[in-house]
């Protein structure tokens, strides 16, 4: 009986860690996408400033 309780607690911790890792990777991926967009916009602004 105690083994089942321990296994359940360990399962919750491991599942939480896996879920947290997946969310962190997804948010990091989104952040890199936004950084690429910001760099594109900065390049565009630099181009427009050069033309003036």
PDB file of N, CA and C in Angstrom:
ATOM      1  N   UNK A   1       0.834  -1.207   0.000  1.00  0.00           N
ATOM      2  CA  UNK A   1       0.000   0.000   0.000  1.00  0.00           C
ATOM      3  C   UNK A   1       0.875   1.267   0.000  1.00  0.00           C
ATOM      4  N   UNK A   2       1.909   1.277   0.816  1.00  0.00           N
ATOM      5  CA  UNK A   2       2.802   2.438   0.884  1.00  0.00           C
ATOM      6  C   UNK A   2       3.507   2.638  -0.459  1.00  0.00           C
ATOM      7  N   UNK A   3       3.865   1.534  -1.131  1.00  0.00           N
ATOM      8  CA  UNK A   3       4.538   1.635  -2.426  1.00  0.00           C
ATOM      9  C   UNK A   3       3.685   2.388  -3.442  1.00  0.00           C
ATOM     10  N   UNK A   4       2.375   2.148  -3.409  1.00  0.00           N
ATOM     11  CA  UNK A   4       1.462   2.813  -4.349  1.00  0.00           C
ATOM     12  C   UNK A   4       1.462   4.322  -4.087  1.00  0.00           C
ATOM     13  N   UNK A   5       1.424   4.708  -2.825  1.00  0.00           N
ATOM     14  CA  UNK A   5       1.417   6.136  -2.466  1.00  0.00           C
ATOM     15  C   UNK A   5       2.720   6.796  -2.913  1.00  0.00           C
ATOM     16  N   UNK A   6       3.853   6.126  -2.640  1.00  0.00           N
ATOM     17  CA  UNK A   6       5.154   6.667  -3.042  1.00  0.00           C
ATOM     18  C   UNK A   6       5.220   6.795  -4.567  1.00  0.00           C
ATOM     19  N   UNK A   7       4.759   5.756  -5.252  1.00  0.00           N
ATOM     20  CA  UNK A   7       4.772   5.787  -6.715  1.00  0.00           C
ATOM     21  C   UNK A   7       3.915   6.930  -7.244  1.00  0.00           C
ATOM     22  N   UNK A   8       2.766   7.176  -6.617  1.00  0.00           N
ATOM     23  CA  UNK A   8       1.888   8.263  -7.046  1.00  0.00           C
ATOM     24  C   UNK A   8       2.567   9.618  -6.849  1.00  0.00           C
ATOM     25  N   UNK A   9       3.225   9.796  -5.716  1.00  0.00           N
ATOM     26  CA  UNK A   9       3.906  11.070  -5.442  1.00  0.00           C
ATOM     27  C   UNK A   9       5.041  11.285  -6.445  1.00  0.00           C
ATOM     28  N   UNK A  10       5.851  10.238  -6.653  1.00  0.00           N
ATOM     29  CA  UNK A  10       6.955  10.332  -7.614  1.00  0.00           C
ATOM     30  C   UNK A  10       6.405  10.632  -9.005  1.00  0.00           C
ATOM     31  N   UNK A  11       5.312   9.969  -9.380  1.00  0.00           N
ATOM     32  CA  UNK A  11       4.693  10.186 -10.690  1.00  0.00           C
ATOM     33  C   UNK A  11       4.251  11.624 -10.882  1.00  0.00           C
ATOM     34  N   UNK A  12       3.679  12.199  -9.835  1.00  0.00           N
ATOM     35  CA  UNK A  12       3.232  13.600  -9.915  1.00  0.00           C
ATOM     36  C   UNK A  12       4.427  14.525 -10.113  1.00  0.00           C
ATOM     37  N   UNK A  13       5.513  14.289  -9.343  1.00  0.00           N
ATOM     38  CA  UNK A  13       6.706  15.139  -9.488  1.00  0.00           C
ATOM     39  C   UNK A  13       7.323  15.004 -10.870  1.00  0.00           C
ATOM     40  N   UNK A  14       7.484  13.761 -11.347  1.00  0.00           N
ATOM     41  CA  UNK A  14       8.096  13.541 -12.660  1.00  0.00           C
ATOM     42  C   UNK A  14       7.217  14.151 -13.755  1.00  0.00           C
ATOM     43  N   UNK A  15       5.914  13.942 -13.682  1.00  0.00           N
ATOM     44  CA  UNK A  15       4.991  14.517 -14.657  1.00  0.00           C
ATOM     45  C   UNK A  15       5.048  16.035 -14.651  1.00  0.00           C
ATOM     46  N   UNK A  16       5.140  16.613 -13.462  1.00  0.00           N
ATOM     47  CA  UNK A  16       5.237  18.070 -13.346  1.00  0.00           C
ATOM     48  C   UNK A  16       6.521  18.592 -13.962  1.00  0.00           C
ATOM     49  N   UNK A  17       7.613  17.870 -13.742  1.00  0.00           N
ATOM     50  CA  UNK A  17       8.897  18.295 -14.306  1.00  0.00           C
ATOM     51  C   UNK A  17       8.868  18.211 -15.826  1.00  0.00           C
ATOM     52  N   UNK A  18       8.291  17.132 -16.357  1.00  0.00           N
ATOM     53  CA  UNK A  18       8.205  16.983 -17.817  1.00  0.00           C
ATOM     54  C   UNK A  18       7.331  18.091 -18.401  1.00  0.00           C
ATOM     55  N   UNK A  19       6.188  18.342 -17.771  1.00  0.00           N
ATOM     56  CA  UNK A  19       5.286  19.394 -18.244  1.00  0.00           C
ATOM     57  C   UNK A  19       5.950  20.762 -18.223  1.00  0.00           C
ATOM     58  N   UNK A  20       6.665  21.034 -17.133  1.00  0.00           N
ATOM     59  CA  UNK A  20       7.364  22.321 -17.002  1.00  0.00           C
ATOM     60  C   UNK A  20       8.431  22.465 -18.083  1.00  0.00           C
ATOM     61  N   UNK A  21       9.157  21.376 -18.335  1.00  0.00           N
ATOM     62  CA  UNK A  21      10.208  21.408 -19.363  1.00  0.00           C
ATOM     63  C   UNK A  21       9.606  21.698 -20.725  1.00  0.00           C
ATOM     64  N   UNK A  22       8.486  21.031 -21.048  1.00  0.00           N
ATOM     65  CA  UNK A  22       7.832  21.243 -22.352  1.00  0.00           C
ATOM     66  C   UNK A  22       7.370  22.696 -22.471  1.00  0.00           C
ATOM     67  N   UNK A  23       6.762  23.227 -21.416  1.00  0.00           N
ATOM     68  CA  UNK A  23       6.290  24.616 -21.461  1.00  0.00           C
ATOM     69  C   UNK A  23       7.464  25.584 -21.619  1.00  0.00           C
ATOM     70  N   UNK A  24       8.569  25.312 -20.936  1.00  0.00           N
ATOM     71  CA  UNK A  24       9.746  26.181 -21.041  1.00  0.00           C
ATOM     72  C   UNK A  24      10.297  26.163 -22.465  1.00  0.00           C
ATOM     73  N   UNK A  25      10.351  24.971 -23.067  1.00  0.00           N
ATOM     74  CA  UNK A  25      10.852  24.869 -24.445  1.00  0.00           C
ATOM     75  C   UNK A  25       9.937  25.610 -25.407  1.00  0.00           C
ATOM     76  N   UNK A  26       8.621  25.480 -25.215  1.00  0.00           N
ATOM     77  CA  UNK A  26       7.674  26.166 -26.101  1.00  0.00           C
ATOM     78  C   UNK A  26       7.800  27.679 -25.954  1.00  0.00           C
ATOM     79  N   UNK A  27       7.903  28.171 -24.721  1.00  0.00           N
ATOM     80  CA  UNK A  27       8.007  29.613 -24.526  1.00  0.00           C
ATOM     81  C   UNK A  27       9.333  30.133 -25.078  1.00  0.00           C
ATOM     82  N   UNK A  28      10.401  29.333 -24.953  1.00  0.00           N
ATOM     83  CA  UNK A  28      11.700  29.739 -25.510  1.00  0.00           C
ATOM     84  C   UNK A  28      11.607  29.818 -27.032  1.00  0.00           C
ATOM     85  N   UNK A  29      10.924  28.842 -27.650  1.00  0.00           N
ATOM     86  CA  UNK A  29      10.749  28.832 -29.107  1.00  0.00           C
ATOM     87  C   UNK A  29       9.986  30.078 -29.550  1.00  0.00           C
ATOM     88  N   UNK A  30       8.924  30.427 -28.827  1.00  0.00           N
ATOM     89  CA  UNK A  30       8.150  31.634 -29.145  1.00  0.00           C
ATOM     90  C   UNK A  30       9.024  32.870 -29.014  1.00  0.00           C
ATOM     91  N   UNK A  31       9.840  32.926 -27.965  1.00  0.00           N
ATOM     92  CA  UNK A  31      10.703  34.091 -27.741  1.00  0.00           C
ATOM     93  C   UNK A  31      11.676  34.259 -28.903  1.00  0.00           C
ATOM     94  N   UNK A  32      12.233  33.157 -29.402  1.00  0.00           N
ATOM     95  CA  UNK A  32      13.173  33.278 -30.521  1.00  0.00           C
ATOM     96  C   UNK A  32      12.446  33.754 -31.773  1.00  0.00           C
ATOM     97  N   UNK A  33      11.190  33.324 -31.965  1.00  0.00           N
ATOM     98  CA  UNK A  33      10.416  33.821 -33.113  1.00  0.00           C
ATOM     99  C   UNK A  33      10.229  35.325 -33.014  1.00  0.00           C
ATOM    100  N   UNK A  34       9.879  35.817 -31.819  1.00  0.00           N
ATOM    101  CA  UNK A  34       9.674  37.245 -31.637  1.00  0.00           C
ATOM    102  C   UNK A  34      10.975  38.010 -31.855  1.00  0.00           C
ATOM    103  N   UNK A  35      12.107  37.443 -31.383  1.00  0.00           N
ATOM    104  CA  UNK A  35      13.396  38.111 -31.587  1.00  0.00           C
ATOM    105  C   UNK A  35      13.699  38.252 -33.071  1.00  0.00           C
ATOM    106  N   UNK A  36      13.392  37.220 -33.867  1.00  0.00           N
ATOM    107  CA  UNK A  36      13.621  37.295 -35.310  1.00  0.00           C
ATOM    108  C   UNK A  36      12.779  38.408 -35.930  1.00  0.00           C
ATOM    109  N   UNK A  37      11.513  38.532 -35.493  1.00  0.00           N
ATOM    110  CA  UNK A  37      10.642  39.584 -36.014  1.00  0.00           C
ATOM    111  C   UNK A  37      11.196  40.964 -35.657  1.00  0.00           C
ATOM    112  N   UNK A  38      11.679  41.103 -34.410  1.00  0.00           N
ATOM    113  CA  UNK A  38      12.237  42.387 -33.977  1.00  0.00           C
ATOM    114  C   UNK A  38      13.458  42.745 -34.818  1.00  0.00           C
ATOM    115  N   UNK A  39      14.316  41.744 -35.078  1.00  0.00           N
ATOM    116  CA  UNK A  39      15.507  42.005 -35.902  1.00  0.00           C
ATOM    117  C   UNK A  39      15.105  42.439 -37.315  1.00  0.00           C
ATOM    118  N   UNK A  40      14.085  41.793 -37.881  1.00  0.00           N
ATOM    119  CA  UNK A  40      13.613  42.186 -39.222  1.00  0.00           C
ATOM    120  C   UNK A  40      13.132  43.630 -39.213  1.00  0.00           C
ATOM    121  N   UNK A  41      12.359  43.994 -38.184  1.00  0.00           N
ATOM    122  CA  UNK A  41      11.842  45.357 -38.104  1.00  0.00           C
ATOM    123  C   UNK A  41      12.983  46.360 -37.937  1.00  0.00           C
ATOM    124  N   UNK A  42      13.993  46.010 -37.132  1.00  0.00           N
ATOM    125  CA  UNK A  42      15.135  46.921 -36.949  1.00  0.00           C
ATOM    126  C   UNK A  42      15.871  47.120 -38.258  1.00  0.00           C
ATOM    127  N   UNK A  43      16.045  46.044 -39.031  1.00  0.00           N
ATOM    128  CA  UNK A  43      16.715  46.167 -40.331  1.00  0.00           C
ATOM    129  C   UNK A  43      15.920  47.087 -41.248  1.00  0.00           C
ATOM    130  N   UNK A  44      14.607  46.921 -41.235  1.00  0.00           N
ATOM    131  CA  UNK A  44      13.725  47.743 -42.073  1.00  0.00           C
ATOM    132  C   UNK A  44      13.847  49.220 -41.687  1.00  0.00           C
ATOM    133  N   UNK A  45      13.840  49.485 -40.385  1.00  0.00           N
ATOM    134  CA  UNK A  45      13.980  50.866 -39.907  1.00  0.00           C
ATOM    135  C   UNK A  45      15.323  51.431 -40.357  1.00  0.00           C
ATOM    136  N   UNK A  46      16.396  50.642 -40.246  1.00  0.00           N
ATOM    137  CA  UNK A  46      17.721  51.106 -40.662  1.00  0.00           C
ATOM    138  C   UNK A  46      17.724  51.418 -42.152  1.00  0.00           C
ATOM    139  N   UNK A  47      17.082  50.575 -42.970  1.00  0.00           N
ATOM    140  CA  UNK A  47      16.999  50.822 -44.403  1.00  0.00           C
ATOM    141  C   UNK A  47      16.279  52.128 -44.694  1.00  0.00           C
ATOM    142  N   UNK A  48      15.152  52.337 -44.011  1.00  0.00           N
ATOM    143  CA  UNK A  48      14.375  53.557 -44.235  1.00  0.00           C
ATOM    144  C   UNK A  48      15.165  54.787 -43.792  1.00  0.00           C
ATOM    145  N   UNK A  49      15.908  54.702 -42.694  1.00  0.00           N
ATOM    146  CA  UNK A  49      16.701  55.835 -42.236  1.00  0.00           C
ATOM    147  C   UNK A  49      17.813  56.163 -43.223  1.00  0.00           C
ATOM    148  N   UNK A  50      18.401  55.133 -43.846  1.00  0.00           N
ATOM    149  CA  UNK A  50      19.463  55.371 -44.824  1.00  0.00           C
ATOM    150  C   UNK A  50      18.930  56.106 -46.050  1.00  0.00           C
ATOM    151  N   UNK A  51      17.708  55.788 -46.460  1.00  0.00           N
ATOM    152  CA  UNK A  51      17.124  56.416 -47.650  1.00  0.00           C
ATOM    153  C   UNK A  51      16.860  57.902 -47.443  1.00  0.00           C
ATOM    154  N   UNK A  52      16.579  58.297 -46.201  1.00  0.00           N
ATOM    155  CA  UNK A  52      16.217  59.701 -45.946  1.00  0.00           C
ATOM    156  C   UNK A  52      17.373  60.654 -46.100  1.00  0.00           C
TER     157      UNK A  52
END
